Amino acid sequence: SDAIRRIPGVKNAKQYTVPVQDAVDAVRSGSNPELSTRQKHLRDCYV
């Protein structure tokens, strides 16, 4: 959130990190999935 607020033109911002539930479930099952950075999380920004 701080990194977004440093961008010129941004007055305020919040960033939410959101796990991808299918990826969490696959790990919890013990199946040892291969997951890229992009497959594990989404990033939602409100500016």
PDB file of all heavy atoms in Angstrom:
ATOM      1  N   SER A   1       0.831  -1.202   0.000  1.00  0.00           N
ATOM      2  CA  SER A   1       0.000   0.000   0.000  1.00  0.00           C
ATOM      3  C   SER A   1       0.868   1.255   0.000  1.00  0.00           C
ATOM      4  O   SER A   1       0.603   2.225  -0.724  1.00  0.00           O
ATOM      5  CB  SER A   1      -0.933  -0.007   1.218  1.00  0.00           C
ATOM      6  OG  SER A   1      -1.799  -1.120   1.195  1.00  0.00           O
ATOM      7  N   ASP A   2       1.934   1.215   0.808  1.00  0.00           N
ATOM      8  CA  ASP A   2       2.855   2.351   0.857  1.00  0.00           C
ATOM      9  C   ASP A   2       3.521   2.569  -0.494  1.00  0.00           C
ATOM     10  O   ASP A   2       3.686   3.716  -0.950  1.00  0.00           O
ATOM     11  CB  ASP A   2       3.914   2.110   1.933  1.00  0.00           C
ATOM     12  CG  ASP A   2       4.945   3.215   1.999  1.00  0.00           C
ATOM     13  OD1 ASP A   2       4.589   4.335   2.407  1.00  0.00           O
ATOM     14  OD2 ASP A   2       6.114   2.970   1.629  1.00  0.00           O
ATOM     15  N   ALA A   3       3.886   1.476  -1.168  1.00  0.00           N
ATOM     16  CA  ALA A   3       4.534   1.597  -2.474  1.00  0.00           C
ATOM     17  C   ALA A   3       3.609   2.265  -3.482  1.00  0.00           C
ATOM     18  O   ALA A   3       4.052   3.084  -4.307  1.00  0.00           O
ATOM     19  CB  ALA A   3       4.964   0.218  -2.974  1.00  0.00           C
ATOM     20  N   ILE A   4       2.319   1.953  -3.437  1.00  0.00           N
ATOM     21  CA  ILE A   4       1.365   2.610  -4.342  1.00  0.00           C
ATOM     22  C   ILE A   4       1.242   4.088  -4.001  1.00  0.00           C
ATOM     23  O   ILE A   4       1.212   4.943  -4.891  1.00  0.00           O
ATOM     24  CB  ILE A   4      -0.017   1.934  -4.263  1.00  0.00           C
ATOM     25  CG1 ILE A   4       0.054   0.480  -4.725  1.00  0.00           C
ATOM     26  CG2 ILE A   4      -1.031   2.685  -5.136  1.00  0.00           C
ATOM     27  CD1 ILE A   4      -1.248  -0.284  -4.524  1.00  0.00           C
ATOM     28  N   ARG A   5       1.179   4.398  -2.715  1.00  0.00           N
ATOM     29  CA  ARG A   5       1.018   5.804  -2.314  1.00  0.00           C
ATOM     30  C   ARG A   5       2.205   6.664  -2.704  1.00  0.00           C
ATOM     31  O   ARG A   5       2.087   7.894  -2.762  1.00  0.00           O
ATOM     32  CB  ARG A   5       0.771   5.883  -0.802  1.00  0.00           C
ATOM     33  CG  ARG A   5      -0.585   5.352  -0.380  1.00  0.00           C
ATOM     34  CD  ARG A   5      -0.913   5.730   1.065  1.00  0.00           C
ATOM     35  NE  ARG A   5      -0.034   5.068   2.015  1.00  0.00           N
ATOM     36  CZ  ARG A   5      -0.313   3.913   2.613  1.00  0.00           C
ATOM     37  NH1 ARG A   5      -1.448   3.289   2.355  1.00  0.00           N
ATOM     38  NH2 ARG A   5       0.524   3.381   3.486  1.00  0.00           N
ATOM     39  N   ARG A   6       3.354   6.049  -2.977  1.00  0.00           N
ATOM     40  CA  ARG A   6       4.527   6.824  -3.411  1.00  0.00           C
ATOM     41  C   ARG A   6       4.445   7.221  -4.885  1.00  0.00           C
ATOM     42  O   ARG A   6       5.262   8.029  -5.348  1.00  0.00           O
ATOM     43  CB  ARG A   6       5.805   5.999  -3.182  1.00  0.00           C
ATOM     44  CG  ARG A   6       6.065   5.564  -1.742  1.00  0.00           C
ATOM     45  CD  ARG A   6       6.196   6.738  -0.802  1.00  0.00           C
ATOM     46  NE  ARG A   6       6.365   6.316   0.586  1.00  0.00           N
ATOM     47  CZ  ARG A   6       7.522   6.354   1.237  1.00  0.00           C
ATOM     48  NH1 ARG A   6       8.610   6.771   0.615  1.00  0.00           N
ATOM     49  NH2 ARG A   6       7.585   5.988   2.497  1.00  0.00           N
ATOM     50  N   ILE A   7       3.506   6.663  -5.622  1.00  0.00           N
ATOM     51  CA  ILE A   7       3.379   6.987  -7.044  1.00  0.00           C
ATOM     52  C   ILE A   7       2.784   8.384  -7.188  1.00  0.00           C
ATOM     53  O   ILE A   7       1.758   8.697  -6.579  1.00  0.00           O
ATOM     54  CB  ILE A   7       2.490   5.952  -7.764  1.00  0.00           C
ATOM     55  CG1 ILE A   7       3.144   4.570  -7.736  1.00  0.00           C
ATOM     56  CG2 ILE A   7       2.202   6.382  -9.206  1.00  0.00           C
ATOM     57  CD1 ILE A   7       2.258   3.458  -8.276  1.00  0.00           C
ATOM     58  N   PRO A   8       3.389   9.261  -7.987  1.00  0.00           N
ATOM     59  CA  PRO A   8       2.824  10.601  -8.200  1.00  0.00           C
ATOM     60  C   PRO A   8       1.395  10.515  -8.726  1.00  0.00           C
ATOM     61  O   PRO A   8       1.095   9.732  -9.625  1.00  0.00           O
ATOM     62  CB  PRO A   8       3.761  11.212  -9.249  1.00  0.00           C
ATOM     63  CG  PRO A   8       5.057  10.484  -9.072  1.00  0.00           C
ATOM     64  CD  PRO A   8       4.679   9.080  -8.692  1.00  0.00           C
ATOM     65  N   GLY A   9       0.511  11.310  -8.137  1.00  0.00           N
ATOM     66  CA  GLY A   9      -0.884  11.317  -8.545  1.00  0.00           C
ATOM     67  C   GLY A   9      -1.785  10.480  -7.665  1.00  0.00           C
ATOM     68  O   GLY A   9      -3.006  10.543  -7.791  1.00  0.00           O
ATOM     69  N   VAL A  10      -1.187   9.682  -6.746  1.00  0.00           N
ATOM     70  CA  VAL A  10      -1.976   8.846  -5.840  1.00  0.00           C
ATOM     71  C   VAL A  10      -2.163   9.587  -4.519  1.00  0.00           C
ATOM     72  O   VAL A  10      -1.198   9.963  -3.858  1.00  0.00           O
ATOM     73  CB  VAL A  10      -1.302   7.486  -5.601  1.00  0.00           C
ATOM     74  CG1 VAL A  10      -2.045   6.710  -4.514  1.00  0.00           C
ATOM     75  CG2 VAL A  10      -1.256   6.685  -6.886  1.00  0.00           C
ATOM     76  N   LYS A  11      -3.421   9.763  -4.139  1.00  0.00           N
ATOM     77  CA  LYS A  11      -3.736  10.448  -2.879  1.00  0.00           C
ATOM     78  C   LYS A  11      -3.814   9.469  -1.725  1.00  0.00           C
ATOM     79  O   LYS A  11      -3.375   9.771  -0.609  1.00  0.00           O
ATOM     80  CB  LYS A  11      -5.056  11.200  -3.024  1.00  0.00           C
ATOM     81  CG  LYS A  11      -5.388  12.109  -1.863  1.00  0.00           C
ATOM     82  CD  LYS A  11      -6.605  12.976  -2.181  1.00  0.00           C
ATOM     83  CE  LYS A  11      -6.840  14.003  -1.080  1.00  0.00           C
ATOM     84  NZ  LYS A  11      -8.001  14.881  -1.412  1.00  0.00           N
ATOM     85  N   ASN A  12      -4.374   8.292  -1.966  1.00  0.00           N
ATOM     86  CA  ASN A  12      -4.458   7.262  -0.937  1.00  0.00           C
ATOM     87  C   ASN A  12      -4.620   5.912  -1.620  1.00  0.00           C
ATOM     88  O   ASN A  12      -5.077   5.851  -2.762  1.00  0.00           O
ATOM     89  CB  ASN A  12      -5.631   7.513   0.014  1.00  0.00           C
ATOM     90  CG  ASN A  12      -5.365   6.962   1.413  1.00  0.00           C
ATOM     91  OD1 ASN A  12      -4.445   6.164   1.613  1.00  0.00           O
ATOM     92  ND2 ASN A  12      -6.159   7.388   2.380  1.00  0.00           N
ATOM     93  N   ALA A  13      -4.253   4.850  -0.923  1.00  0.00           N
ATOM     94  CA  ALA A  13      -4.340   3.523  -1.547  1.00  0.00           C
ATOM     95  C   ALA A  13      -4.290   2.444  -0.493  1.00  0.00           C
ATOM     96  O   ALA A  13      -3.649   2.587   0.551  1.00  0.00           O
ATOM     97  CB  ALA A  13      -3.209   3.330  -2.554  1.00  0.00           C
ATOM     98  N   LYS A  14      -4.972   1.339  -0.782  1.00  0.00           N
ATOM     99  CA  LYS A  14      -4.871   0.105  -0.011  1.00  0.00           C
ATOM    100  C   LYS A  14      -4.691  -1.047  -0.994  1.00  0.00           C
ATOM    101  O   LYS A  14      -5.343  -1.088  -2.036  1.00  0.00           O
ATOM    102  CB  LYS A  14      -6.143  -0.146   0.808  1.00  0.00           C
ATOM    103  CG  LYS A  14      -6.269   0.666   2.080  1.00  0.00           C
ATOM    104  CD  LYS A  14      -5.479   0.057   3.210  1.00  0.00           C
ATOM    105  CE  LYS A  14      -5.585   0.915   4.475  1.00  0.00           C
ATOM    106  NZ  LYS A  14      -6.930   0.886   5.052  1.00  0.00           N
ATOM    107  N   GLN A  15      -3.814  -1.977  -0.633  1.00  0.00           N
ATOM    108  CA  GLN A  15      -3.617  -3.171  -1.443  1.00  0.00           C
ATOM    109  C   GLN A  15      -3.945  -4.404  -0.622  1.00  0.00           C
ATOM    110  O   GLN A  15      -3.436  -4.570   0.487  1.00  0.00           O
ATOM    111  CB  GLN A  15      -2.174  -3.255  -1.951  1.00  0.00           C
ATOM    112  CG  GLN A  15      -1.974  -4.326  -2.994  1.00  0.00           C
ATOM    113  CD  GLN A  15      -1.483  -5.682  -2.460  1.00  0.00           C
ATOM    114  OE1 GLN A  15      -0.964  -6.477  -3.212  1.00  0.00           O
ATOM    115  NE2 GLN A  15      -1.617  -5.967  -1.183  1.00  0.00           N
ATOM    116  N   TYR A  16      -4.811  -5.257  -1.172  1.00  0.00           N
ATOM    117  CA  TYR A  16      -5.185  -6.505  -0.514  1.00  0.00           C
ATOM    118  C   TYR A  16      -4.508  -7.665  -1.229  1.00  0.00           C
ATOM    119  O   TYR A  16      -4.616  -7.802  -2.454  1.00  0.00           O
ATOM    120  CB  TYR A  16      -6.699  -6.703  -0.554  1.00  0.00           C
ATOM    121  CG  TYR A  16      -7.479  -5.638   0.183  1.00  0.00           C
ATOM    122  CD1 TYR A  16      -7.879  -4.476  -0.468  1.00  0.00           C
ATOM    123  CD2 TYR A  16      -7.799  -5.795   1.528  1.00  0.00           C
ATOM    124  CE1 TYR A  16      -8.589  -3.495   0.204  1.00  0.00           C
ATOM    125  CE2 TYR A  16      -8.507  -4.824   2.211  1.00  0.00           C
ATOM    126  CZ  TYR A  16      -8.900  -3.669   1.547  1.00  0.00           C
ATOM    127  OH  TYR A  16      -9.599  -2.697   2.210  1.00  0.00           O
ATOM    128  N   THR A  17      -3.803  -8.472  -0.457  1.00  0.00           N
ATOM    129  CA  THR A  17      -3.221  -9.703  -0.967  1.00  0.00           C
ATOM    130  C   THR A  17      -4.231 -10.821  -0.737  1.00  0.00           C
ATOM    131  O   THR A  17      -4.706 -11.008   0.393  1.00  0.00           O
ATOM    132  CB  THR A  17      -1.901 -10.017  -0.253  1.00  0.00           C
ATOM    133  OG1 THR A  17      -1.013  -8.909  -0.407  1.00  0.00           O
ATOM    134  CG2 THR A  17      -1.255 -11.273  -0.822  1.00  0.00           C
ATOM    135  N   VAL A  18      -4.546 -11.584  -1.798  1.00  0.00           N
ATOM    136  CA  VAL A  18      -5.613 -12.580  -1.735  1.00  0.00           C
ATOM    137  C   VAL A  18      -5.066 -13.932  -2.175  1.00  0.00           C
ATOM    138  O   VAL A  18      -4.660 -14.092  -3.334  1.00  0.00           O
ATOM    139  CB  VAL A  18      -6.798 -12.188  -2.634  1.00  0.00           C
ATOM    140  CG1 VAL A  18      -7.939 -13.192  -2.478  1.00  0.00           C
ATOM    141  CG2 VAL A  18      -7.272 -10.775  -2.331  1.00  0.00           C
ATOM    142  N   PRO A  19      -5.025 -14.939  -1.295  1.00  0.00           N
ATOM    143  CA  PRO A  19      -4.584 -16.268  -1.727  1.00  0.00           C
ATOM    144  C   PRO A  19      -5.578 -16.883  -2.708  1.00  0.00           C
ATOM    145  O   PRO A  19      -6.794 -16.672  -2.585  1.00  0.00           O
ATOM    146  CB  PRO A  19      -4.559 -17.085  -0.423  1.00  0.00           C
ATOM    147  CG  PRO A  19      -4.642 -16.103   0.682  1.00  0.00           C
ATOM    148  CD  PRO A  19      -5.358 -14.915   0.143  1.00  0.00           C
ATOM    149  N   VAL A  20      -5.062 -17.628  -3.661  1.00  0.00           N
ATOM    150  CA  VAL A  20      -5.919 -18.394  -4.571  1.00  0.00           C
ATOM    151  C   VAL A  20      -6.320 -19.677  -3.844  1.00  0.00           C
ATOM    152  O   VAL A  20      -5.469 -20.509  -3.534  1.00  0.00           O
ATOM    153  CB  VAL A  20      -5.182 -18.697  -5.886  1.00  0.00           C
ATOM    154  CG1 VAL A  20      -6.050 -19.567  -6.788  1.00  0.00           C
ATOM    155  CG2 VAL A  20      -4.805 -17.389  -6.601  1.00  0.00           C
ATOM    156  N   GLN A  21      -7.611 -19.819  -3.545  1.00  0.00           N
ATOM    157  CA  GLN A  21      -8.065 -20.900  -2.675  1.00  0.00           C
ATOM    158  C   GLN A  21      -7.738 -22.280  -3.228  1.00  0.00           C
ATOM    159  O   GLN A  21      -7.391 -23.199  -2.478  1.00  0.00           O
ATOM    160  CB  GLN A  21      -9.562 -20.789  -2.423  1.00  0.00           C
ATOM    161  CG  GLN A  21     -10.077 -21.725  -1.332  1.00  0.00           C
ATOM    162  CD  GLN A  21      -9.409 -21.482   0.019  1.00  0.00           C
ATOM    163  OE1 GLN A  21      -9.313 -20.341   0.471  1.00  0.00           O
ATOM    164  NE2 GLN A  21      -8.931 -22.549   0.655  1.00  0.00           N
ATOM    165  N   ASP A  22      -7.848 -22.452  -4.547  1.00  0.00           N
ATOM    166  CA  ASP A  22      -7.525 -23.763  -5.131  1.00  0.00           C
ATOM    167  C   ASP A  22      -6.077 -24.145  -4.852  1.00  0.00           C
ATOM    168  O   ASP A  22      -5.765 -25.325  -4.618  1.00  0.00           O
ATOM    169  CB  ASP A  22      -7.783 -23.756  -6.639  1.00  0.00           C
ATOM    170  CG  ASP A  22      -9.267 -23.760  -6.980  1.00  0.00           C
ATOM    171  OD1 ASP A  22     -10.081 -24.019  -6.074  1.00  0.00           O
ATOM    172  OD2 ASP A  22      -9.606 -23.500  -8.156  1.00  0.00           O
ATOM    173  N   ALA A  23      -5.194 -23.167  -4.860  1.00  0.00           N
ATOM    174  CA  ALA A  23      -3.787 -23.439  -4.589  1.00  0.00           C
ATOM    175  C   ALA A  23      -3.575 -23.824  -3.123  1.00  0.00           C
ATOM    176  O   ALA A  23      -2.832 -24.759  -2.808  1.00  0.00           O
ATOM    177  CB  ALA A  23      -2.941 -22.218  -4.945  1.00  0.00           C
ATOM    178  N   VAL A  24      -4.253 -23.112  -2.210  1.00  0.00           N
ATOM    179  CA  VAL A  24      -4.150 -23.442  -0.787  1.00  0.00           C
ATOM    180  C   VAL A  24      -4.647 -24.867  -0.534  1.00  0.00           C
ATOM    181  O   VAL A  24      -4.003 -25.650   0.179  1.00  0.00           O
ATOM    182  CB  VAL A  24      -4.956 -22.438   0.059  1.00  0.00           C
ATOM    183  CG1 VAL A  24      -4.945 -22.856   1.538  1.00  0.00           C
ATOM    184  CG2 VAL A  24      -4.397 -21.032  -0.081  1.00  0.00           C
ATOM    185  N   ASP A  25      -5.781 -25.196  -1.122  1.00  0.00           N
ATOM    186  CA  ASP A  25      -6.358 -26.536  -0.917  1.00  0.00           C
ATOM    187  C   ASP A  25      -5.437 -27.632  -1.449  1.00  0.00           C
ATOM    188  O   ASP A  25      -5.294 -28.700  -0.838  1.00  0.00           O
ATOM    189  CB  ASP A  25      -7.719 -26.625  -1.599  1.00  0.00           C
ATOM    190  CG  ASP A  25      -8.769 -25.747  -0.938  1.00  0.00           C
ATOM    191  OD1 ASP A  25      -8.557 -25.350   0.230  1.00  0.00           O
ATOM    192  OD2 ASP A  25      -9.791 -25.444  -1.587  1.00  0.00           O
ATOM    193  N   ALA A  26      -4.796 -27.363  -2.583  1.00  0.00           N
ATOM    194  CA  ALA A  26      -3.899 -28.358  -3.171  1.00  0.00           C
ATOM    195  C   ALA A  26      -2.693 -28.602  -2.266  1.00  0.00           C
ATOM    196  O   ALA A  26      -2.259 -29.745  -2.073  1.00  0.00           O
ATOM    197  CB  ALA A  26      -3.443 -27.912  -4.555  1.00  0.00           C
ATOM    198  N   VAL A  27      -2.152 -27.543  -1.669  1.00  0.00           N
ATOM    199  CA  VAL A  27      -1.015 -27.689  -0.758  1.00  0.00           C
ATOM    200  C   VAL A  27      -1.436 -28.425   0.503  1.00  0.00           C
ATOM    201  O   VAL A  27      -0.759 -29.350   0.966  1.00  0.00           O
ATOM    202  CB  VAL A  27      -0.426 -26.310  -0.405  1.00  0.00           C
ATOM    203  CG1 VAL A  27       0.605 -26.437   0.707  1.00  0.00           C
ATOM    204  CG2 VAL A  27       0.205 -25.677  -1.636  1.00  0.00           C
ATOM    205  N   ARG A  28      -2.576 -28.032   1.066  1.00  0.00           N
ATOM    206  CA  ARG A  28      -3.044 -28.637   2.312  1.00  0.00           C
ATOM    207  C   ARG A  28      -3.304 -30.140   2.146  1.00  0.00           C
ATOM    208  O   ARG A  28      -3.195 -30.909   3.099  1.00  0.00           O
ATOM    209  CB  ARG A  28      -4.299 -27.904   2.771  1.00  0.00           C
ATOM    210  CG  ARG A  28      -4.730 -28.228   4.185  1.00  0.00           C
ATOM    211  CD  ARG A  28      -5.858 -27.319   4.637  1.00  0.00           C
ATOM    212  NE  ARG A  28      -5.368 -26.046   5.141  1.00  0.00           N
ATOM    213  CZ  ARG A  28      -5.955 -24.877   4.930  1.00  0.00           C
ATOM    214  NH1 ARG A  28      -7.032 -24.802   4.173  1.00  0.00           N
ATOM    215  NH2 ARG A  28      -5.455 -23.772   5.452  1.00  0.00           N
ATOM    216  N   SER A  29      -3.630 -30.547   0.937  1.00  0.00           N
ATOM    217  CA  SER A  29      -3.893 -31.965   0.679  1.00  0.00           C
ATOM    218  C   SER A  29      -2.627 -32.811   0.684  1.00  0.00           C
ATOM    219  O   SER A  29      -2.700 -34.043   0.701  1.00  0.00           O
ATOM    220  CB  SER A  29      -4.588 -32.124  -0.683  1.00  0.00           C
ATOM    221  OG  SER A  29      -3.671 -31.932  -1.749  1.00  0.00           O
ATOM    222  N   GLY A  30      -1.460 -32.160   0.617  1.00  0.00           N
ATOM    223  CA  GLY A  30      -0.201 -32.894   0.575  1.00  0.00           C
ATOM    224  C   GLY A  30       0.204 -33.351  -0.804  1.00  0.00           C
ATOM    225  O   GLY A  30       1.116 -34.176  -0.945  1.00  0.00           O
ATOM    226  N   SER A  31      -0.424 -32.796  -1.854  1.00  0.00           N
ATOM    227  CA  SER A  31      -0.136 -33.251  -3.214  1.00  0.00           C
ATOM    228  C   SER A  31       1.100 -32.603  -3.822  1.00  0.00           C
ATOM    229  O   SER A  31       1.476 -32.917  -4.958  1.00  0.00           O
ATOM    230  CB  SER A  31      -1.343 -32.975  -4.122  1.00  0.00           C
ATOM    231  OG  SER A  31      -1.596 -31.579  -4.209  1.00  0.00           O
ATOM    232  N   ASN A  32       1.749 -31.660  -3.068  1.00  0.00           N
ATOM    233  CA  ASN A  32       2.988 -31.012  -3.529  1.00  0.00           C
ATOM    234  C   ASN A  32       2.875 -30.397  -4.921  1.00  0.00           C
ATOM    235  O   ASN A  32       3.658 -30.698  -5.809  1.00  0.00           O
ATOM    236  CB  ASN A  32       4.156 -32.007  -3.514  1.00  0.00           C
ATOM    237  CG  ASN A  32       4.519 -32.453  -2.121  1.00  0.00           C
ATOM    238  OD1 ASN A  32       4.208 -31.786  -1.144  1.00  0.00           O
ATOM    239  ND2 ASN A  32       5.160 -33.602  -2.019  1.00  0.00           N
ATOM    240  N   PRO A  33       1.905 -29.505  -5.126  1.00  0.00           N
ATOM    241  CA  PRO A  33       1.758 -28.910  -6.458  1.00  0.00           C
ATOM    242  C   PRO A  33       2.909 -27.976  -6.796  1.00  0.00           C
ATOM    243  O   PRO A  33       3.532 -27.391  -5.904  1.00  0.00           O
ATOM    244  CB  PRO A  33       0.450 -28.125  -6.344  1.00  0.00           C
ATOM    245  CG  PRO A  33       0.362 -27.764  -4.891  1.00  0.00           C
ATOM    246  CD  PRO A  33       0.930 -28.955  -4.167  1.00  0.00           C
ATOM    247  N   GLU A  34       3.193 -27.851  -8.083  1.00  0.00           N
ATOM    248  CA  GLU A  34       4.136 -26.837  -8.563  1.00  0.00           C
ATOM    249  C   GLU A  34       3.335 -25.570  -8.842  1.00  0.00           C
ATOM    250  O   GLU A  34       2.459 -25.562  -9.708  1.00  0.00           O
ATOM    251  CB  GLU A  34       4.841 -27.315  -9.837  1.00  0.00           C
ATOM    252  CG  GLU A  34       5.782 -28.486  -9.620  1.00  0.00           C
ATOM    253  CD  GLU A  34       7.021 -28.098  -8.822  1.00  0.00           C
ATOM    254  OE1 GLU A  34       7.343 -26.890  -8.776  1.00  0.00           O
ATOM    255  OE2 GLU A  34       7.656 -28.993  -8.242  1.00  0.00           O
ATOM    256  N   LEU A  35       3.621 -24.509  -8.099  1.00  0.00           N
ATOM    257  CA  LEU A  35       2.841 -23.284  -8.207  1.00  0.00           C
ATOM    258  C   LEU A  35       3.746 -22.103  -8.512  1.00  0.00           C
ATOM    259  O   LEU A  35       4.739 -21.874  -7.817  1.00  0.00           O
ATOM    260  CB  LEU A  35       2.096 -23.016  -6.895  1.00  0.00           C
ATOM    261  CG  LEU A  35       1.066 -24.063  -6.459  1.00  0.00           C
ATOM    262  CD1 LEU A  35       0.594 -23.765  -5.046  1.00  0.00           C
ATOM    263  CD2 LEU A  35      -0.107 -24.081  -7.419  1.00  0.00           C
ATOM    264  N   SER A  36       3.404 -21.360  -9.540  1.00  0.00           N
ATOM    265  CA  SER A  36       4.133 -20.128  -9.842  1.00  0.00           C
ATOM    266  C   SER A  36       3.683 -19.029  -8.889  1.00  0.00           C
ATOM    267  O   SER A  36       2.645 -19.132  -8.214  1.00  0.00           O
ATOM    268  CB  SER A  36       3.863 -19.698 -11.283  1.00  0.00           C
ATOM    269  OG  SER A  36       2.516 -19.294 -11.436  1.00  0.00           O
ATOM    270  N   THR A  37       4.436 -17.951  -8.819  1.00  0.00           N
ATOM    271  CA  THR A  37       4.044 -16.792  -8.012  1.00  0.00           C
ATOM    272  C   THR A  37       2.645 -16.331  -8.383  1.00  0.00           C
ATOM    273  O   THR A  37       1.801 -16.054  -7.524  1.00  0.00           O
ATOM    274  CB  THR A  37       5.055 -15.654  -8.225  1.00  0.00           C
ATOM    275  OG1 THR A  37       6.330 -16.064  -7.739  1.00  0.00           O
ATOM    276  CG2 THR A  37       4.632 -14.399  -7.498  1.00  0.00           C
ATOM    277  N   ARG A  38       2.367 -16.276  -9.668  1.00  0.00           N
ATOM    278  CA  ARG A  38       1.076 -15.789 -10.155  1.00  0.00           C
ATOM    279  C   ARG A  38      -0.068 -16.719  -9.779  1.00  0.00           C
ATOM    280  O   ARG A  38      -1.205 -16.281  -9.592  1.00  0.00           O
ATOM    281  CB  ARG A  38       1.150 -15.599 -11.672  1.00  0.00           C
ATOM    282  CG  ARG A  38       0.033 -14.759 -12.258  1.00  0.00           C
ATOM    283  CD  ARG A  38       0.280 -14.514 -13.744  1.00  0.00           C
ATOM    284  NE  ARG A  38       1.522 -13.784 -13.968  1.00  0.00           N
ATOM    285  CZ  ARG A  38       1.619 -12.456 -13.943  1.00  0.00           C
ATOM    286  NH1 ARG A  38       0.555 -11.724 -13.701  1.00  0.00           N
ATOM    287  NH2 ARG A  38       2.776 -11.863 -14.151  1.00  0.00           N
ATOM    288  N   GLN A  39       0.203 -18.014  -9.654  1.00  0.00           N
ATOM    289  CA  GLN A  39      -0.860 -18.970  -9.343  1.00  0.00           C
ATOM    290  C   GLN A  39      -1.255 -18.960  -7.874  1.00  0.00           C
ATOM    291  O   GLN A  39      -2.319 -19.478  -7.521  1.00  0.00           O
ATOM    292  CB  GLN A  39      -0.408 -20.392  -9.734  1.00  0.00           C
ATOM    293  CG  GLN A  39      -0.344 -20.635 -11.232  1.00  0.00           C
ATOM    294  CD  GLN A  39       0.238 -22.002 -11.545  1.00  0.00           C
ATOM    295  OE1 GLN A  39       1.307 -22.384 -11.048  1.00  0.00           O
ATOM    296  NE2 GLN A  39      -0.467 -22.773 -12.369  1.00  0.00           N
ATOM    297  N   LYS A  40      -0.428 -18.383  -7.014  1.00  0.00           N
ATOM    298  CA  LYS A  40      -0.685 -18.462  -5.579  1.00  0.00           C
ATOM    299  C   LYS A  40      -1.485 -17.286  -5.023  1.00  0.00           C
ATOM    300  O   LYS A  40      -2.215 -17.436  -4.043  1.00  0.00           O
ATOM    301  CB  LYS A  40       0.643 -18.580  -4.814  1.00  0.00           C
ATOM    302  CG  LYS A  40       1.340 -19.915  -5.020  1.00  0.00           C
ATOM    303  CD  LYS A  40       2.488 -20.107  -4.054  1.00  0.00           C
ATOM    304  CE  LYS A  40       3.638 -19.163  -4.342  1.00  0.00           C
ATOM    305  NZ  LYS A  40       4.796 -19.421  -3.445  1.00  0.00           N
ATOM    306  N   HIS A  41      -1.324 -16.099  -5.614  1.00  0.00           N
ATOM    307  CA  HIS A  41      -1.956 -14.909  -5.044  1.00  0.00           C
ATOM    308  C   HIS A  41      -2.500 -13.991  -6.137  1.00  0.00           C
ATOM    309  O   HIS A  41      -1.945 -13.919  -7.233  1.00  0.00           O
ATOM    310  CB  HIS A  41      -0.956 -14.084  -4.215  1.00  0.00           C
ATOM    311  CG  HIS A  41      -0.439 -14.773  -3.008  1.00  0.00           C
ATOM    312  ND1 HIS A  41       0.724 -15.507  -3.009  1.00  0.00           N
ATOM    313  CD2 HIS A  41      -0.931 -14.841  -1.748  1.00  0.00           C
ATOM    314  CE1 HIS A  41       0.925 -15.989  -1.799  1.00  0.00           C
ATOM    315  NE2 HIS A  41      -0.063 -15.612  -1.017  1.00  0.00           N
ATOM    316  N   LEU A  42      -3.546 -13.262  -5.750  1.00  0.00           N
ATOM    317  CA  LEU A  42      -4.024 -12.115  -6.510  1.00  0.00           C
ATOM    318  C   LEU A  42      -3.721 -10.859  -5.707  1.00  0.00           C
ATOM    319  O   LEU A  42      -3.592 -10.906  -4.483  1.00  0.00           O
ATOM    320  CB  LEU A  42      -5.546 -12.208  -6.730  1.00  0.00           C
ATOM    321  CG  LEU A  42      -6.092 -13.502  -7.330  1.00  0.00           C
ATOM    322  CD1 LEU A  42      -7.617 -13.460  -7.313  1.00  0.00           C
ATOM    323  CD2 LEU A  42      -5.574 -13.707  -8.741  1.00  0.00           C
ATOM    324  N   ARG A  43      -3.618  -9.726  -6.407  1.00  0.00           N
ATOM    325  CA  ARG A  43      -3.428  -8.449  -5.711  1.00  0.00           C
ATOM    326  C   ARG A  43      -4.524  -7.480  -6.148  1.00  0.00           C
ATOM    327  O   ARG A  43      -4.642  -7.164  -7.328  1.00  0.00           O
ATOM    328  CB  ARG A  43      -2.035  -7.875  -5.983  1.00  0.00           C
ATOM    329  CG  ARG A  43      -0.921  -8.761  -5.425  1.00  0.00           C
ATOM    330  CD  ARG A  43       0.372  -8.005  -5.241  1.00  0.00           C
ATOM    331  NE  ARG A  43       1.443  -8.839  -4.694  1.00  0.00           N
ATOM    332  CZ  ARG A  43       1.620  -9.078  -3.404  1.00  0.00           C
ATOM    333  NH1 ARG A  43       0.792  -8.563  -2.508  1.00  0.00           N
ATOM    334  NH2 ARG A  43       2.620  -9.828  -2.995  1.00  0.00           N
ATOM    335  N   ASP A  44      -5.317  -7.021  -5.175  1.00  0.00           N
ATOM    336  CA  ASP A  44      -6.397  -6.067  -5.425  1.00  0.00           C
ATOM    337  C   ASP A  44      -5.995  -4.715  -4.852  1.00  0.00           C
ATOM    338  O   ASP A  44      -5.683  -4.608  -3.654  1.00  0.00           O
ATOM    339  CB  ASP A  44      -7.692  -6.528  -4.765  1.00  0.00           C
ATOM    340  CG  ASP A  44      -8.404  -7.612  -5.552  1.00  0.00           C
ATOM    341  OD1 ASP A  44      -8.073  -7.776  -6.743  1.00  0.00           O
ATOM    342  OD2 ASP A  44      -9.285  -8.273  -4.976  1.00  0.00           O
ATOM    343  N   CYS A  45      -6.035  -3.691  -5.685  1.00  0.00           N
ATOM    344  CA  CYS A  45      -5.612  -2.354  -5.279  1.00  0.00           C
ATOM    345  C   CYS A  45      -6.787  -1.382  -5.374  1.00  0.00           C
ATOM    346  O   CYS A  45      -7.485  -1.340  -6.389  1.00  0.00           O
ATOM    347  CB  CYS A  45      -4.480  -1.847  -6.175  1.00  0.00           C
ATOM    348  SG  CYS A  45      -3.099  -3.003  -6.360  1.00  0.00           S
ATOM    349  N   TYR A  46      -6.975  -0.606  -4.322  1.00  0.00           N
ATOM    350  CA  TYR A  46      -8.026   0.417  -4.287  1.00  0.00           C
ATOM    351  C   TYR A  46      -7.344   1.766  -4.126  1.00  0.00           C
ATOM    352  O   TYR A  46      -6.637   1.998  -3.127  1.00  0.00           O
ATOM    353  CB  TYR A  46      -8.995   0.143  -3.152  1.00  0.00           C
ATOM    354  CG  TYR A  46      -9.826  -1.104  -3.401  1.00  0.00           C
ATOM    355  CD1 TYR A  46      -9.320  -2.370  -3.120  1.00  0.00           C
ATOM    356  CD2 TYR A  46     -11.103  -1.005  -3.954  1.00  0.00           C
ATOM    357  CE1 TYR A  46     -10.061  -3.521  -3.371  1.00  0.00           C
ATOM    358  CE2 TYR A  46     -11.854  -2.143  -4.213  1.00  0.00           C
ATOM    359  CZ  TYR A  46     -11.326  -3.390  -3.917  1.00  0.00           C
ATOM    360  OH  TYR A  46     -12.068  -4.511  -4.184  1.00  0.00           O
ATOM    361  N   VAL A  47      -7.542   2.643  -5.117  1.00  0.00           N
ATOM    362  CA  VAL A  47      -6.727   3.848  -5.238  1.00  0.00           C
ATOM    363  C   VAL A  47      -7.612   5.085  -5.341  1.00  0.00           C
ATOM    364  O   VAL A  47      -8.566   5.116  -6.132  1.00  0.00           O
ATOM    365  CB  VAL A  47      -5.812   3.761  -6.482  1.00  0.00           C
ATOM    366  CG1 VAL A  47      -4.969   5.026  -6.623  1.00  0.00           C
ATOM    367  CG2 VAL A  47      -4.924   2.517  -6.404  1.00  0.00           C
TER     368      VAL A  47
END
